[in-house]
Structures are given as C-alpha cells and as structure tokens.
Amino acid sequence: MVGRVLAALSPPAVTAILRAASAAFVLALVGCGSATVGTVGKPAMAKWVGPVFGTPDGGQLRTTIYYGPWQCSAAFLSRCESKCAAQGHALMGCMWLADIKADWQGRYLFMPAEAGGRMAITHCCCDYPKVDDLKWRRDTWDNARKRFRQEWGSEFGAWPSTGGTFWTGHHIFDLAHGGAPTATGNVIPVPDAIHKVFNAEYPACYAPDGKWLTPGPEHPYAD
C-alpha cells in the first residue's frame, strides 16, 4: 500500500517524504486511508498548512491537512465493507474525515523538481460494540496528550492552535468503539468547530441505513 501511495512521486521525493515524515505515522495512516489524486467541488471546511521542513537531499517538504467530513467514495466504501467483514462485522457507514497532502520541492538530476501526494483519512464504522473501559481510554489520552503533541510537532511542525488554544486531538477510530488512545496514526489535530461536526456525525455513521452508507464523489473538495 505504501507503494501505491507514493507511486506517482519521483525517486528523490519518495526518499524525502519517507525520511522527513515519521515512518510509524505514515504506515499507520495507510490503514486508515488511500492515495487521492486531484480534487473538485467546494473548498474544504478548514485546512492546516504546516511549516516547510528541509529534507536530507536538500529539498523542502510541506504538509497540508484538508478537513471534511465527506461521504466516502464507492471505492472506499467497498474497502471498508471488506475490512468489516474480515473482522466478522457489518459495515454501517464510512466517513472521509480529512486529506493529508505532502508537497516536495527540490532538485532531481540537477534540475528543479516538484512532487506530491495525498492520503485520505477515513473511518470504517463497523458494527463494533461499545467498550466498557471508555474512562480508562480517555484518561490514558489525557495523560499522554502533551507528549503526543510534542512528538507530532517534531515531525510536522507545532501542533496547531487558535488564539493560544490547542486544536483538539481527534481519534479517527473513536475511543467509544475500541480506538487506541495514543496510537500515532489514530490521532489528528482538528479545529474545534470541525471536531464538533465529527462528534455529531459519528453516531450517525454507526446507525443503520444512514447517509454515511451512500457513496460520495471521488474528489469531494477543491484546494
């Protein structure tokens, strides 16, 4: 799957991205999304533009996060259905939460070069039962929050904030249904307004015959 995500990138860009980004974060996200190319539709509800990082080959890398939520494409729904079935569960819905975009600039064969890629962050709402240790999961996250932000910031730039208040760390696989509290690939920074939308839509994603079972476009937003 990593090859699929990075297949369109030039060789130095692949090296730059793999070296500059946390390997654990990239690999974990592969389990949550897939490569997306090109966009149409309305602008994203919000976005975060990270700082420019220098890469070992002398290039520059910038990360941008675009926020939904959007309805999953037919391909994402199909993949979620297979994932749920493999675990002995039925698919209730699929939420396309965000897109993470990487843009690299540098030189290749002594010539200026650019490359990039996008990764969709989706959540498959299988009919998981609710956990009975939710308080422990929340307490675990609360105790790890500061360290998590620092580690995330070392890879992507300072954890986003507005008016001095840090953005919420959103668990892609929600804690109430068994999501890991501190898994690197299960938490992304989300503006408070967007986080409220996410929280309002998660119950609908797990409900029978909801809108999150309806396929959406392959490219739901514009930059």
C-alpha atoms as a PDB file:
ATOM      1  CA  MET A   1       0.000   0.000   0.000  1.00  0.00           C
ATOM      2  CA  VAL A   2       2.893   2.389   0.645  1.00  0.00           C
ATOM      3  CA  GLY A   3       3.980   1.840  -2.939  1.00  0.00           C
ATOM      4  CA  ARG A   4       0.515   2.788  -4.123  1.00  0.00           C
ATOM      5  CA  VAL A   5       0.515   5.989  -2.095  1.00  0.00           C
ATOM      6  CA  LEU A   6       3.946   7.048  -3.303  1.00  0.00           C
ATOM      7  CA  ALA A   7       3.904   5.542  -6.790  1.00  0.00           C
ATOM      8  CA  ALA A   8       3.368   8.880  -8.545  1.00  0.00           C
ATOM      9  CA  LEU A   9       6.260  10.573  -6.772  1.00  0.00           C
ATOM     10  CA  SER A  10       9.758  10.954  -8.171  1.00  0.00           C
ATOM     11  CA  PRO A  11      12.538   8.858  -6.549  1.00  0.00           C
ATOM     12  CA  PRO A  12      14.040  11.750  -4.540  1.00  0.00           C
ATOM     13  CA  ALA A  13      10.589  12.798  -3.361  1.00  0.00           C
ATOM     14  CA  VAL A  14       9.850   9.298  -2.124  1.00  0.00           C
ATOM     15  CA  THR A  15      13.107   9.320  -0.197  1.00  0.00           C
ATOM     16  CA  ALA A  16      12.473  12.804   1.166  1.00  0.00           C
ATOM     17  CA  ILE A  17       8.965  12.030   2.361  1.00  0.00           C
ATOM     18  CA  LEU A  18       9.899   8.729   3.943  1.00  0.00           C
ATOM     19  CA  ARG A  19      12.841  10.300   5.754  1.00  0.00           C
ATOM     20  CA  ALA A  20      11.123  13.517   6.772  1.00  0.00           C
ATOM     21  CA  ALA A  21       7.844  12.008   7.971  1.00  0.00           C
ATOM     22  CA  SER A  22       7.522   9.643  10.887  1.00  0.00           C
ATOM     23  CA  ALA A  23       7.553   6.121   9.472  1.00  0.00           C
ATOM     24  CA  ALA A  24       5.136   4.932  12.142  1.00  0.00           C
ATOM     25  CA  PHE A  25       2.720   7.734  11.330  1.00  0.00           C
ATOM     26  CA  VAL A  26       2.834   7.111   7.591  1.00  0.00           C
ATOM     27  CA  LEU A  27       2.404   3.360   7.906  1.00  0.00           C
ATOM     28  CA  ALA A  28      -0.427   3.711  10.399  1.00  0.00           C
ATOM     29  CA  LEU A  29      -2.275   6.116   8.151  1.00  0.00           C
ATOM     30  CA  VAL A  30      -2.131   3.654   5.293  1.00  0.00           C
ATOM     31  CA  GLY A  31      -4.535   1.567   7.319  1.00  0.00           C
ATOM     32  CA  CYS A  32      -6.951   4.456   7.538  1.00  0.00           C
ATOM     33  CA  GLY A  33      -6.900   5.836   4.017  1.00  0.00           C
ATOM     34  CA  SER A  34      -5.611   5.674   0.471  1.00  0.00           C
ATOM     35  CA  ALA A  35      -3.984   7.886  -2.071  1.00  0.00           C
ATOM     36  CA  THR A  36      -6.174  10.563  -3.622  1.00  0.00           C
ATOM     37  CA  VAL A  37      -5.287  12.489  -6.755  1.00  0.00           C
ATOM     38  CA  GLY A  38      -6.918  15.687  -7.950  1.00  0.00           C
ATOM     39  CA  THR A  39      -9.903  17.451  -6.439  1.00  0.00           C
ATOM     40  CA  VAL A  40     -13.195  19.034  -7.460  1.00  0.00           C
ATOM     41  CA  GLY A  41     -16.128  20.517  -5.608  1.00  0.00           C
ATOM     42  CA  LYS A  42     -16.381  23.099  -2.846  1.00  0.00           C
ATOM     43  CA  PRO A  43     -13.403  24.169  -0.732  1.00  0.00           C
ATOM     44  CA  ALA A  44     -12.691  22.064   2.334  1.00  0.00           C
ATOM     45  CA  MET A  45     -14.397  23.160   5.556  1.00  0.00           C
ATOM     46  CA  ALA A  46     -10.990  24.016   7.026  1.00  0.00           C
ATOM     47  CA  LYS A  47      -7.319  23.365   6.414  1.00  0.00           C
ATOM     48  CA  TRP A  48      -3.999  23.476   8.210  1.00  0.00           C
ATOM     49  CA  VAL A  49      -0.806  24.399   6.385  1.00  0.00           C
ATOM     50  CA  GLY A  50       2.328  23.194   8.115  1.00  0.00           C
ATOM     51  CA  PRO A  51       5.761  24.818   8.043  1.00  0.00           C
ATOM     52  CA  VAL A  52       8.367  23.996   5.430  1.00  0.00           C
ATOM     53  CA  PHE A  53      10.848  21.339   6.517  1.00  0.00           C
ATOM     54  CA  GLY A  54      14.250  20.785   4.963  1.00  0.00           C
ATOM     55  CA  THR A  55      14.852  17.237   3.723  1.00  0.00           C
ATOM     56  CA  PRO A  56      18.139  15.294   3.756  1.00  0.00           C
ATOM     57  CA  ASP A  57      18.541  15.654  -0.005  1.00  0.00           C
ATOM     58  CA  GLY A  58      18.381  19.454   0.182  1.00  0.00           C
ATOM     59  CA  GLY A  59      14.725  19.748  -0.782  1.00  0.00           C
ATOM     60  CA  GLN A  60      11.746  21.159   1.095  1.00  0.00           C
ATOM     61  CA  LEU A  61       8.611  19.412   2.325  1.00  0.00           C
ATOM     62  CA  ARG A  62       5.310  20.949   3.435  1.00  0.00           C
ATOM     63  CA  THR A  63       2.277  19.125   4.871  1.00  0.00           C
ATOM     64  CA  THR A  64      -1.303  20.384   4.437  1.00  0.00           C
ATOM     65  CA  ILE A  65      -4.398  18.863   6.040  1.00  0.00           C
ATOM     66  CA  TYR A  66      -7.831  19.435   4.447  1.00  0.00           C
ATOM     67  CA  TYR A  67     -10.854  18.736   6.652  1.00  0.00           C
ATOM     68  CA  GLY A  68     -14.269  17.223   5.846  1.00  0.00           C
ATOM     69  CA  PRO A  69     -16.181  15.224   6.718  1.00  0.00           C
ATOM     70  CA  TRP A  70     -17.253  13.942   3.326  1.00  0.00           C
ATOM     71  CA  GLN A  71     -19.095  10.819   2.274  1.00  0.00           C
ATOM     72  CA  CYS A  72     -16.710   8.078   1.204  1.00  0.00           C
ATOM     73  CA  SER A  73     -16.298   7.231  -2.450  1.00  0.00           C
ATOM     74  CA  ALA A  74     -17.626   3.909  -3.709  1.00  0.00           C
ATOM     75  CA  ALA A  75     -14.088   2.504  -3.639  1.00  0.00           C
ATOM     76  CA  PHE A  76     -13.579   3.496  -0.003  1.00  0.00           C
ATOM     77  CA  LEU A  77     -16.967   2.031   0.957  1.00  0.00           C
ATOM     78  CA  SER A  78     -16.096  -1.237  -0.750  1.00  0.00           C
ATOM     79  CA  ARG A  79     -12.790  -1.433   1.049  1.00  0.00           C
ATOM     80  CA  CYS A  80     -14.474  -0.697   4.390  1.00  0.00           C
ATOM     81  CA  GLU A  81     -17.061  -3.396   3.742  1.00  0.00           C
ATOM     82  CA  SER A  82     -14.278  -5.923   3.179  1.00  0.00           C
ATOM     83  CA  LYS A  83     -12.448  -4.759   6.297  1.00  0.00           C
ATOM     84  CA  CYS A  84     -15.531  -5.096   8.493  1.00  0.00           C
ATOM     85  CA  ALA A  85     -16.420  -8.494   7.028  1.00  0.00           C
ATOM     86  CA  ALA A  86     -12.892  -9.785   7.665  1.00  0.00           C
ATOM     87  CA  GLN A  87     -13.395  -8.917  11.341  1.00  0.00           C
ATOM     88  CA  GLY A  88     -16.805 -10.556  11.480  1.00  0.00           C
ATOM     89  CA  HIS A  89     -18.738  -7.286  11.435  1.00  0.00           C
ATOM     90  CA  ALA A  90     -21.134  -5.466   9.129  1.00  0.00           C
ATOM     91  CA  LEU A  91     -20.404  -2.045   7.662  1.00  0.00           C
ATOM     92  CA  MET A  92     -22.703   0.684   8.986  1.00  0.00           C
ATOM     93  CA  GLY A  93     -21.049   3.650   7.282  1.00  0.00           C
ATOM     94  CA  CYS A  94     -17.808   5.277   6.170  1.00  0.00           C
ATOM     95  CA  MET A  95     -16.613   8.805   6.943  1.00  0.00           C
ATOM     96  CA  TRP A  96     -13.914  10.572   4.938  1.00  0.00           C
ATOM     97  CA  LEU A  97     -12.560  12.821   7.655  1.00  0.00           C
ATOM     98  CA  ALA A  98      -9.597  14.573   6.072  1.00  0.00           C
ATOM     99  CA  ASP A  99      -6.937  14.554   3.377  1.00  0.00           C
ATOM    100  CA  ILE A 100      -3.247  14.873   4.177  1.00  0.00           C
ATOM    101  CA  LYS A 101      -1.222  16.392   1.340  1.00  0.00           C
ATOM    102  CA  ALA A 102       2.571  16.382   1.057  1.00  0.00           C
ATOM    103  CA  ASP A 103       4.355  18.775  -1.323  1.00  0.00           C
ATOM    104  CA  TRP A 104       8.059  18.370  -2.040  1.00  0.00           C
ATOM    105  CA  GLN A 105      10.345  20.760  -3.911  1.00  0.00           C
ATOM    106  CA  GLY A 106      13.977  20.151  -4.695  1.00  0.00           C
ATOM    107  CA  ARG A 107      16.297  19.032  -7.464  1.00  0.00           C
ATOM    108  CA  TYR A 108      16.452  15.810  -9.466  1.00  0.00           C
ATOM    109  CA  LEU A 109      19.228  15.100 -11.979  1.00  0.00           C
ATOM    110  CA  PHE A 110      20.426  18.668 -11.342  1.00  0.00           C
ATOM    111  CA  MET A 111      17.090  20.111 -12.450  1.00  0.00           C
ATOM    112  CA  PRO A 112      14.358  21.782 -10.325  1.00  0.00           C
ATOM    113  CA  ALA A 113      11.671  19.247  -9.437  1.00  0.00           C
ATOM    114  CA  GLU A 114       8.353  19.093  -7.614  1.00  0.00           C
ATOM    115  CA  ALA A 115       6.296  16.144  -6.387  1.00  0.00           C
ATOM    116  CA  GLY A 116       3.455  15.441  -4.025  1.00  0.00           C
ATOM    117  CA  GLY A 117       0.739  13.114  -2.938  1.00  0.00           C
ATOM    118  CA  ARG A 118      -2.469  12.974  -0.923  1.00  0.00           C
ATOM    119  CA  MET A 119      -3.713  10.448   1.581  1.00  0.00           C
ATOM    120  CA  ALA A 120      -7.372  10.129   2.524  1.00  0.00           C
ATOM    121  CA  ILE A 121      -8.105   9.659   6.226  1.00  0.00           C
ATOM    122  CA  THR A 122     -11.262   7.580   6.506  1.00  0.00           C
ATOM    123  CA  HIS A 123     -13.054   5.697   9.266  1.00  0.00           C
ATOM    124  CA  CYS A 124     -14.954   2.469   8.692  1.00  0.00           C
ATOM    125  CA  CYS A 125     -17.940   2.388  11.047  1.00  0.00           C
ATOM    126  CA  CYS A 126     -18.270  -1.375  11.528  1.00  0.00           C
ATOM    127  CA  ASP A 127     -20.942  -2.566  13.946  1.00  0.00           C
ATOM    128  CA  TYR A 128     -18.461  -2.766  16.805  1.00  0.00           C
ATOM    129  CA  PRO A 129     -19.946  -2.966  20.306  1.00  0.00           C
ATOM    130  CA  LYS A 130     -19.199  -0.080  22.630  1.00  0.00           C
ATOM    131  CA  VAL A 131     -16.320  -0.706  25.036  1.00  0.00           C
ATOM    132  CA  ASP A 132     -16.732  -0.960  28.788  1.00  0.00           C
ATOM    133  CA  ASP A 133     -13.397   0.737  29.550  1.00  0.00           C
ATOM    134  CA  LEU A 134     -14.078   4.114  27.949  1.00  0.00           C
ATOM    135  CA  LYS A 135     -12.978   6.046  31.047  1.00  0.00           C
ATOM    136  CA  TRP A 136      -9.607   4.282  31.013  1.00  0.00           C
ATOM    137  CA  ARG A 137      -9.148   5.127  27.333  1.00  0.00           C
ATOM    138  CA  ARG A 138      -9.991   8.789  27.906  1.00  0.00           C
ATOM    139  CA  ASP A 139      -7.726   9.017  30.951  1.00  0.00           C
ATOM    140  CA  THR A 140      -4.901   7.389  29.001  1.00  0.00           C
ATOM    141  CA  TRP A 141      -5.241  10.002  26.264  1.00  0.00           C
ATOM    142  CA  ASP A 142      -5.466  12.867  28.760  1.00  0.00           C
ATOM    143  CA  ASN A 143      -2.230  11.748  30.414  1.00  0.00           C
ATOM    144  CA  ALA A 144      -0.412  11.382  27.085  1.00  0.00           C
ATOM    145  CA  ARG A 145      -1.794  14.459  25.322  1.00  0.00           C
ATOM    146  CA  LYS A 146       1.121  16.838  25.957  1.00  0.00           C
ATOM    147  CA  ARG A 147       3.787  14.306  24.970  1.00  0.00           C
ATOM    148  CA  PHE A 148       1.812  13.306  21.883  1.00  0.00           C
ATOM    149  CA  ARG A 149       1.624  16.926  20.696  1.00  0.00           C
ATOM    150  CA  GLN A 150       5.362  17.358  21.158  1.00  0.00           C
ATOM    151  CA  GLU A 151       6.190  14.193  19.224  1.00  0.00           C
ATOM    152  CA  TRP A 152       3.772  15.123  16.446  1.00  0.00           C
ATOM    153  CA  GLY A 153       5.268  18.608  16.295  1.00  0.00           C
ATOM    154  CA  SER A 154       8.784  17.264  15.843  1.00  0.00           C
ATOM    155  CA  GLU A 155       7.670  15.667  12.572  1.00  0.00           C
ATOM    156  CA  PHE A 156       5.111  18.089  11.136  1.00  0.00           C
ATOM    157  CA  GLY A 157       5.546  21.440  12.897  1.00  0.00           C
ATOM    158  CA  ALA A 158       3.995  22.813  16.061  1.00  0.00           C
ATOM    159  CA  TRP A 159       0.605  21.325  16.971  1.00  0.00           C
ATOM    160  CA  PRO A 160      -1.985  23.764  15.562  1.00  0.00           C
ATOM    161  CA  SER A 161      -3.646  26.288  17.840  1.00  0.00           C
ATOM    162  CA  THR A 162      -6.080  29.180  17.573  1.00  0.00           C
ATOM    163  CA  GLY A 163      -5.783  32.159  19.895  1.00  0.00           C
ATOM    164  CA  GLY A 164      -3.345  30.254  22.073  1.00  0.00           C
ATOM    165  CA  THR A 165      -5.677  27.260  22.449  1.00  0.00           C
ATOM    166  CA  PHE A 166      -4.510  23.943  21.022  1.00  0.00           C
ATOM    167  CA  TRP A 167      -6.713  22.197  18.500  1.00  0.00           C
ATOM    168  CA  THR A 168      -8.394  19.030  19.687  1.00  0.00           C
ATOM    169  CA  GLY A 169      -6.721  15.698  19.068  1.00  0.00           C
ATOM    170  CA  HIS A 170      -9.354  13.682  17.220  1.00  0.00           C
ATOM    171  CA  HIS A 171      -9.318   9.883  17.399  1.00  0.00           C
ATOM    172  CA  ILE A 172     -10.033   8.541  13.925  1.00  0.00           C
ATOM    173  CA  PHE A 173     -11.151   5.181  15.327  1.00  0.00           C
ATOM    174  CA  ASP A 174     -13.218   6.558  18.193  1.00  0.00           C
ATOM    175  CA  LEU A 175     -12.472   5.508  21.760  1.00  0.00           C
ATOM    176  CA  ALA A 176     -16.076   4.512  22.444  1.00  0.00           C
ATOM    177  CA  HIS A 177     -15.850   1.660  19.932  1.00  0.00           C
ATOM    178  CA  GLY A 178     -12.330   0.480  20.731  1.00  0.00           C
ATOM    179  CA  GLY A 179      -9.944   3.015  19.210  1.00  0.00           C
ATOM    180  CA  ALA A 180      -6.406   3.098  20.605  1.00  0.00           C
ATOM    181  CA  PRO A 181      -5.952   6.201  22.813  1.00  0.00           C
ATOM    182  CA  THR A 182      -2.339   7.004  21.908  1.00  0.00           C
ATOM    183  CA  ALA A 183      -1.646   5.188  18.628  1.00  0.00           C
ATOM    184  CA  THR A 184       0.348   7.573  16.451  1.00  0.00           C
ATOM    185  CA  GLY A 185      -1.793   7.038  13.372  1.00  0.00           C
ATOM    186  CA  ASN A 186      -5.114   7.301  15.194  1.00  0.00           C
ATOM    187  CA  VAL A 187      -4.977  10.969  16.219  1.00  0.00           C
ATOM    188  CA  ILE A 188      -5.003  14.106  14.072  1.00  0.00           C
ATOM    189  CA  PRO A 189      -5.310  17.765  15.131  1.00  0.00           C
ATOM    190  CA  VAL A 190      -8.747  19.162  14.319  1.00  0.00           C
ATOM    191  CA  PRO A 191     -10.198  22.696  14.722  1.00  0.00           C
ATOM    192  CA  ASP A 192     -12.830  22.848  17.450  1.00  0.00           C
ATOM    193  CA  ALA A 193     -15.671  23.680  15.047  1.00  0.00           C
ATOM    194  CA  ILE A 194     -14.808  20.701  12.845  1.00  0.00           C
ATOM    195  CA  HIS A 195     -14.411  18.436  15.862  1.00  0.00           C
ATOM    196  CA  LYS A 196     -17.967  19.258  16.929  1.00  0.00           C
ATOM    197  CA  VAL A 197     -19.166  18.232  13.471  1.00  0.00           C
ATOM    198  CA  PHE A 198     -17.194  14.977  13.688  1.00  0.00           C
ATOM    199  CA  ASN A 199     -18.644  14.178  17.114  1.00  0.00           C
ATOM    200  CA  ALA A 200     -22.166  14.864  15.879  1.00  0.00           C
ATOM    201  CA  GLU A 201     -21.756  12.629  12.826  1.00  0.00           C
ATOM    202  CA  TYR A 202     -20.039   9.600  14.377  1.00  0.00           C
ATOM    203  CA  PRO A 203     -23.265   8.253  15.964  1.00  0.00           C
ATOM    204  CA  ALA A 204     -24.986   8.634  12.585  1.00  0.00           C
ATOM    205  CA  CYS A 205     -22.174   6.688  10.931  1.00  0.00           C
ATOM    206  CA  TYR A 206     -22.785   3.760  13.282  1.00  0.00           C
ATOM    207  CA  ALA A 207     -26.583   3.927  12.879  1.00  0.00           C
ATOM    208  CA  PRO A 208     -28.402   1.590  10.443  1.00  0.00           C
ATOM    209  CA  ASP A 209     -29.139   2.791   6.905  1.00  0.00           C
ATOM    210  CA  GLY A 210     -27.672   6.251   7.433  1.00  0.00           C
ATOM    211  CA  LYS A 211     -26.301   8.743   4.933  1.00  0.00           C
ATOM    212  CA  TRP A 212     -22.756   7.522   5.551  1.00  0.00           C
ATOM    213  CA  LEU A 213     -23.561   4.368   3.575  1.00  0.00           C
ATOM    214  CA  THR A 214     -24.292   6.470   0.478  1.00  0.00           C
ATOM    215  CA  PRO A 215     -21.294   6.806  -1.872  1.00  0.00           C
ATOM    216  CA  GLY A 216     -19.885  10.264  -2.410  1.00  0.00           C
ATOM    217  CA  PRO A 217     -17.636  11.664  -5.167  1.00  0.00           C
ATOM    218  CA  GLU A 218     -14.071  10.504  -5.645  1.00  0.00           C
ATOM    219  CA  HIS A 219     -12.817  14.066  -5.216  1.00  0.00           C
ATOM    220  CA  PRO A 220     -15.175  15.925  -2.844  1.00  0.00           C
ATOM    221  CA  TYR A 221     -13.345  19.225  -2.325  1.00  0.00           C
ATOM    222  CA  ALA A 222     -11.211  21.824  -4.055  1.00  0.00           C
ATOM    223  CA  ASP A 223      -7.969  23.264  -2.765  1.00  0.00           C
END
